[in-house]
Amino acid sequence: MFRLRTALFATLLAFVLLLPLPAHAASSAATRAIDDADIMSQDFSGQNLREAEFSNNKLAGANFSGADLTAVVFNGVDLTGANLQNADMTGGLAYLSSFANADLSGAILTEAMLMQSSLQGAKVTNADFSFAVIDKDQVKALCERASGVNPVTGVDTRDSLGCPP
């Protein structure tokens, strides 16, 4: 009886320890997913979108000016030509998203992770990219047109990108 109980316990323990568990994103329960059905218009100006998650949305030309995008997630989102003037995207994540020709003037992108995202032609005057993670080729292109000082943080755009003097 003891051997049977021990074998049963060992089998159960092995099953629990070796059973793959579902992976969960390291995000807050407060994160709200925004899908195409939730987007009635493309005017998000001045809105509190903290911790919102946009996935595979087409938001070309959308207006996010002055929006609180703290810890926002853009996953595979088309933001081509979007207006993000003076938006705060501190700690945000953009993966495989396009900010091509977007206006990031005065935006705060401190500690943002813009991985495999396009910033081709984006306006970055007075933007703050301090401690942001951006692909090297994107940084090089941004440095060619970066200028100004962010009016909120007081950080020079070129310095925040690590541009050469």
C-alpha atoms as a PDB file:
ATOM      1  CA  MET A   1       0.000   0.000   0.000  1.00  0.00           C
ATOM      2  CA  PHE A   2       2.840   2.370   0.905  1.00  0.00           C
ATOM      3  CA  ARG A   3       4.582   1.696  -2.444  1.00  0.00           C
ATOM      4  CA  LEU A   4       1.378   2.292  -4.360  1.00  0.00           C
ATOM      5  CA  ARG A   5       0.745   5.575  -2.531  1.00  0.00           C
ATOM      6  CA  THR A   6       4.361   6.674  -3.089  1.00  0.00           C
ATOM      7  CA  ALA A   7       4.214   5.762  -6.796  1.00  0.00           C
ATOM      8  CA  LEU A   8       0.896   7.590  -7.179  1.00  0.00           C
ATOM      9  CA  PHE A   9       2.297  10.668  -5.430  1.00  0.00           C
ATOM     10  CA  ALA A  10       5.453  10.611  -7.576  1.00  0.00           C
ATOM     11  CA  THR A  11       3.381  10.302 -10.766  1.00  0.00           C
ATOM     12  CA  LEU A  12       1.116  13.155  -9.716  1.00  0.00           C
ATOM     13  CA  LEU A  13       4.105  15.321  -8.777  1.00  0.00           C
ATOM     14  CA  ALA A  14       5.829  14.618 -12.099  1.00  0.00           C
ATOM     15  CA  PHE A  15       2.602  15.403 -13.975  1.00  0.00           C
ATOM     16  CA  VAL A  16       2.203  18.757 -12.179  1.00  0.00           C
ATOM     17  CA  LEU A  17       5.850  19.753 -12.578  1.00  0.00           C
ATOM     18  CA  LEU A  18       6.168  18.735 -16.215  1.00  0.00           C
ATOM     19  CA  LEU A  19       2.782  19.893 -17.459  1.00  0.00           C
ATOM     20  CA  PRO A  20       3.255  23.007 -19.591  1.00  0.00           C
ATOM     21  CA  LEU A  21       1.331  25.915 -18.197  1.00  0.00           C
ATOM     22  CA  PRO A  22      -0.210  28.634 -20.349  1.00  0.00           C
ATOM     23  CA  ALA A  23       1.955  31.708 -20.753  1.00  0.00           C
ATOM     24  CA  HIS A  24       0.573  35.049 -19.721  1.00  0.00           C
ATOM     25  CA  ALA A  25       1.879  38.452 -20.711  1.00  0.00           C
ATOM     26  CA  ALA A  26       3.445  40.420 -17.923  1.00  0.00           C
ATOM     27  CA  SER A  27       0.781  43.049 -17.947  1.00  0.00           C
ATOM     28  CA  SER A  28      -1.679  44.436 -15.511  1.00  0.00           C
ATOM     29  CA  ALA A  29      -5.186  43.083 -15.178  1.00  0.00           C
ATOM     30  CA  ALA A  30      -6.227  46.670 -15.838  1.00  0.00           C
ATOM     31  CA  THR A  31      -4.919  46.441 -19.417  1.00  0.00           C
ATOM     32  CA  ARG A  32      -7.753  46.793 -21.863  1.00  0.00           C
ATOM     33  CA  ALA A  33      -7.564  45.445 -25.379  1.00  0.00           C
ATOM     34  CA  ILE A  34      -8.716  47.760 -28.141  1.00  0.00           C
ATOM     35  CA  ASP A  35      -9.902  45.951 -31.238  1.00  0.00           C
ATOM     36  CA  ASP A  36     -11.281  47.306 -34.490  1.00  0.00           C
ATOM     37  CA  ALA A  37     -14.849  47.097 -33.160  1.00  0.00           C
ATOM     38  CA  ASP A  38     -13.900  49.430 -30.277  1.00  0.00           C
ATOM     39  CA  ILE A  39     -12.524  52.082 -32.621  1.00  0.00           C
ATOM     40  CA  MET A  40     -15.472  54.205 -33.628  1.00  0.00           C
ATOM     41  CA  SER A  41     -13.297  57.117 -34.727  1.00  0.00           C
ATOM     42  CA  GLN A  42      -9.612  57.706 -34.977  1.00  0.00           C
ATOM     43  CA  ASP A  43      -9.582  60.706 -32.647  1.00  0.00           C
ATOM     44  CA  PHE A  44      -7.942  59.734 -29.364  1.00  0.00           C
ATOM     45  CA  SER A  45      -6.606  63.244 -28.663  1.00  0.00           C
ATOM     46  CA  GLY A  46      -6.227  64.032 -24.974  1.00  0.00           C
ATOM     47  CA  GLN A  47      -7.612  60.652 -23.916  1.00  0.00           C
ATOM     48  CA  ASN A  48      -6.340  58.528 -21.048  1.00  0.00           C
ATOM     49  CA  LEU A  49      -5.262  55.313 -22.762  1.00  0.00           C
ATOM     50  CA  ARG A  50      -2.911  54.124 -20.021  1.00  0.00           C
ATOM     51  CA  GLU A  51      -2.101  50.440 -20.435  1.00  0.00           C
ATOM     52  CA  ALA A  52      -4.380  50.077 -23.473  1.00  0.00           C
ATOM     53  CA  GLU A  53      -3.455  47.343 -25.930  1.00  0.00           C
ATOM     54  CA  PHE A  54      -3.867  47.829 -29.665  1.00  0.00           C
ATOM     55  CA  SER A  55      -3.228  44.750 -31.770  1.00  0.00           C
ATOM     56  CA  ASN A  56      -3.203  44.619 -35.574  1.00  0.00           C
ATOM     57  CA  ASN A  57      -5.262  47.813 -35.831  1.00  0.00           C
ATOM     58  CA  LYS A  58      -5.174  50.126 -38.822  1.00  0.00           C
ATOM     59  CA  LEU A  59      -4.793  53.576 -37.279  1.00  0.00           C
ATOM     60  CA  ALA A  60      -3.089  55.409 -40.138  1.00  0.00           C
ATOM     61  CA  GLY A  61      -3.662  59.127 -39.636  1.00  0.00           C
ATOM     62  CA  ALA A  62      -5.177  58.670 -36.149  1.00  0.00           C
ATOM     63  CA  ASN A  63      -4.979  61.588 -33.713  1.00  0.00           C
ATOM     64  CA  PHE A  64      -3.300  60.721 -30.389  1.00  0.00           C
ATOM     65  CA  SER A  65      -2.123  64.286 -29.693  1.00  0.00           C
ATOM     66  CA  GLY A  66      -1.800  64.989 -25.984  1.00  0.00           C
ATOM     67  CA  ALA A  67      -2.985  61.466 -25.106  1.00  0.00           C
ATOM     68  CA  ASP A  68      -1.737  59.573 -22.063  1.00  0.00           C
ATOM     69  CA  LEU A  69      -0.246  56.471 -23.659  1.00  0.00           C
ATOM     70  CA  THR A  70       1.731  55.410 -20.598  1.00  0.00           C
ATOM     71  CA  ALA A  71       2.505  51.668 -20.835  1.00  0.00           C
ATOM     72  CA  VAL A  72       0.409  51.347 -24.013  1.00  0.00           C
ATOM     73  CA  VAL A  73       1.006  48.359 -26.289  1.00  0.00           C
ATOM     74  CA  PHE A  74       0.975  48.702 -30.074  1.00  0.00           C
ATOM     75  CA  ASN A  75       1.406  45.225 -31.558  1.00  0.00           C
ATOM     76  CA  GLY A  76       1.469  45.141 -35.354  1.00  0.00           C
ATOM     77  CA  VAL A  77      -0.361  48.478 -35.580  1.00  0.00           C
ATOM     78  CA  ASP A  78      -0.302  50.788 -38.595  1.00  0.00           C
ATOM     79  CA  LEU A  79       0.180  54.324 -37.253  1.00  0.00           C
ATOM     80  CA  THR A  80       1.432  55.740 -40.556  1.00  0.00           C
ATOM     81  CA  GLY A  81       0.986  59.507 -40.530  1.00  0.00           C
ATOM     82  CA  ALA A  82      -0.573  59.471 -37.047  1.00  0.00           C
ATOM     83  CA  ASN A  83      -0.474  62.578 -34.854  1.00  0.00           C
ATOM     84  CA  LEU A  84       1.228  61.820 -31.536  1.00  0.00           C
ATOM     85  CA  GLN A  85       2.233  65.414 -30.773  1.00  0.00           C
ATOM     86  CA  ASN A  86       2.817  65.907 -27.042  1.00  0.00           C
ATOM     87  CA  ALA A  87       1.624  62.360 -26.277  1.00  0.00           C
ATOM     88  CA  ASP A  88       3.180  60.587 -23.284  1.00  0.00           C
ATOM     89  CA  MET A  89       4.174  57.043 -24.235  1.00  0.00           C
ATOM     90  CA  THR A  90       6.426  56.453 -21.228  1.00  0.00           C
ATOM     91  CA  GLY A  91       7.123  52.748 -20.774  1.00  0.00           C
ATOM     92  CA  GLY A  92       5.101  51.871 -23.875  1.00  0.00           C
ATOM     93  CA  LEU A  93       5.727  48.994 -26.220  1.00  0.00           C
ATOM     94  CA  ALA A  94       5.469  49.017 -29.990  1.00  0.00           C
ATOM     95  CA  TYR A  95       6.317  45.800 -31.775  1.00  0.00           C
ATOM     96  CA  LEU A  96       6.190  45.451 -35.568  1.00  0.00           C
ATOM     97  CA  SER A  97       4.299  48.733 -35.778  1.00  0.00           C
ATOM     98  CA  SER A  98       4.639  51.563 -38.270  1.00  0.00           C
ATOM     99  CA  PHE A  99       5.119  55.158 -37.162  1.00  0.00           C
ATOM    100  CA  ALA A 100       6.207  56.101 -40.686  1.00  0.00           C
ATOM    101  CA  ASN A 101       5.631  59.820 -41.312  1.00  0.00           C
ATOM    102  CA  ALA A 102       3.973  60.123 -37.876  1.00  0.00           C
ATOM    103  CA  ASP A 103       4.285  63.370 -35.926  1.00  0.00           C
ATOM    104  CA  LEU A 104       6.028  62.659 -32.607  1.00  0.00           C
ATOM    105  CA  SER A 105       6.853  66.326 -31.959  1.00  0.00           C
ATOM    106  CA  GLY A 106       7.027  66.997 -28.235  1.00  0.00           C
ATOM    107  CA  ALA A 107       6.192  63.369 -27.424  1.00  0.00           C
ATOM    108  CA  ILE A 108       7.660  61.623 -24.401  1.00  0.00           C
ATOM    109  CA  LEU A 109       8.838  58.108 -25.202  1.00  0.00           C
ATOM    110  CA  THR A 110      11.075  57.508 -22.189  1.00  0.00           C
ATOM    111  CA  GLU A 111      11.745  53.826 -21.571  1.00  0.00           C
ATOM    112  CA  ALA A 112       9.536  52.917 -24.546  1.00  0.00           C
ATOM    113  CA  MET A 113      10.405  49.772 -26.470  1.00  0.00           C
ATOM    114  CA  LEU A 114       9.960  50.325 -30.201  1.00  0.00           C
ATOM    115  CA  MET A 115      11.202  46.974 -31.442  1.00  0.00           C
ATOM    116  CA  GLN A 116      11.124  46.178 -35.145  1.00  0.00           C
ATOM    117  CA  SER A 117       8.957  49.243 -35.658  1.00  0.00           C
ATOM    118  CA  SER A 118       9.367  51.731 -38.486  1.00  0.00           C
ATOM    119  CA  LEU A 119       9.954  55.396 -37.698  1.00  0.00           C
ATOM    120  CA  GLN A 120      10.797  56.286 -41.302  1.00  0.00           C
ATOM    121  CA  GLY A 121      10.074  59.950 -41.954  1.00  0.00           C
ATOM    122  CA  ALA A 122       8.652  60.522 -38.452  1.00  0.00           C
ATOM    123  CA  LYS A 123       8.856  64.077 -37.085  1.00  0.00           C
ATOM    124  CA  VAL A 124      10.734  63.975 -33.788  1.00  0.00           C
ATOM    125  CA  THR A 125      11.371  67.640 -32.991  1.00  0.00           C
ATOM    126  CA  ASN A 126      11.363  68.142 -29.196  1.00  0.00           C
ATOM    127  CA  ALA A 127      10.685  64.434 -28.531  1.00  0.00           C
ATOM    128  CA  ASP A 128      12.296  62.642 -25.572  1.00  0.00           C
ATOM    129  CA  PHE A 129      13.524  59.082 -26.247  1.00  0.00           C
ATOM    130  CA  SER A 130      15.529  58.705 -23.010  1.00  0.00           C
ATOM    131  CA  PHE A 131      16.270  55.039 -22.276  1.00  0.00           C
ATOM    132  CA  ALA A 132      14.048  53.933 -25.171  1.00  0.00           C
ATOM    133  CA  VAL A 133      14.894  50.730 -27.015  1.00  0.00           C
ATOM    134  CA  ILE A 134      14.925  51.393 -30.759  1.00  0.00           C
ATOM    135  CA  ASP A 135      16.520  49.419 -33.587  1.00  0.00           C
ATOM    136  CA  LYS A 136      19.945  50.859 -34.503  1.00  0.00           C
ATOM    137  CA  ASP A 137      19.039  51.626 -38.111  1.00  0.00           C
ATOM    138  CA  GLN A 138      15.984  53.563 -36.923  1.00  0.00           C
ATOM    139  CA  VAL A 139      18.084  55.586 -34.440  1.00  0.00           C
ATOM    140  CA  LYS A 140      20.582  56.435 -37.156  1.00  0.00           C
ATOM    141  CA  ALA A 141      17.802  57.746 -39.409  1.00  0.00           C
ATOM    142  CA  LEU A 142      16.150  59.661 -36.549  1.00  0.00           C
ATOM    143  CA  CYS A 143      19.450  61.335 -35.662  1.00  0.00           C
ATOM    144  CA  GLU A 144      19.591  62.842 -39.150  1.00  0.00           C
ATOM    145  CA  ARG A 145      16.503  64.966 -38.415  1.00  0.00           C
ATOM    146  CA  ALA A 146      16.314  65.108 -34.592  1.00  0.00           C
ATOM    147  CA  SER A 147      16.360  68.538 -32.969  1.00  0.00           C
ATOM    148  CA  GLY A 148      14.983  70.547 -30.094  1.00  0.00           C
ATOM    149  CA  VAL A 149      14.342  70.072 -26.406  1.00  0.00           C
ATOM    150  CA  ASN A 150      11.276  68.421 -24.921  1.00  0.00           C
ATOM    151  CA  PRO A 151       9.225  71.152 -23.192  1.00  0.00           C
ATOM    152  CA  VAL A 152       8.109  68.864 -20.348  1.00  0.00           C
ATOM    153  CA  THR A 153      11.255  66.871 -19.529  1.00  0.00           C
ATOM    154  CA  GLY A 154      13.840  69.428 -20.663  1.00  0.00           C
ATOM    155  CA  VAL A 155      15.777  66.697 -22.464  1.00  0.00           C
ATOM    156  CA  ASP A 156      17.487  67.372 -25.795  1.00  0.00           C
ATOM    157  CA  THR A 157      16.088  65.066 -28.494  1.00  0.00           C
ATOM    158  CA  ARG A 158      19.493  64.254 -29.971  1.00  0.00           C
ATOM    159  CA  ASP A 159      20.925  63.468 -26.535  1.00  0.00           C
ATOM    160  CA  SER A 160      17.972  61.199 -25.724  1.00  0.00           C
ATOM    161  CA  LEU A 161      18.644  59.217 -28.925  1.00  0.00           C
ATOM    162  CA  GLY A 162      22.394  59.042 -28.268  1.00  0.00           C
ATOM    163  CA  CYS A 163      23.155  60.845 -31.533  1.00  0.00           C
ATOM    164  CA  PRO A 164      26.779  61.742 -32.235  1.00  0.00           C
ATOM    165  CA  PRO A 165      27.619  65.442 -31.897  1.00  0.00           C
END
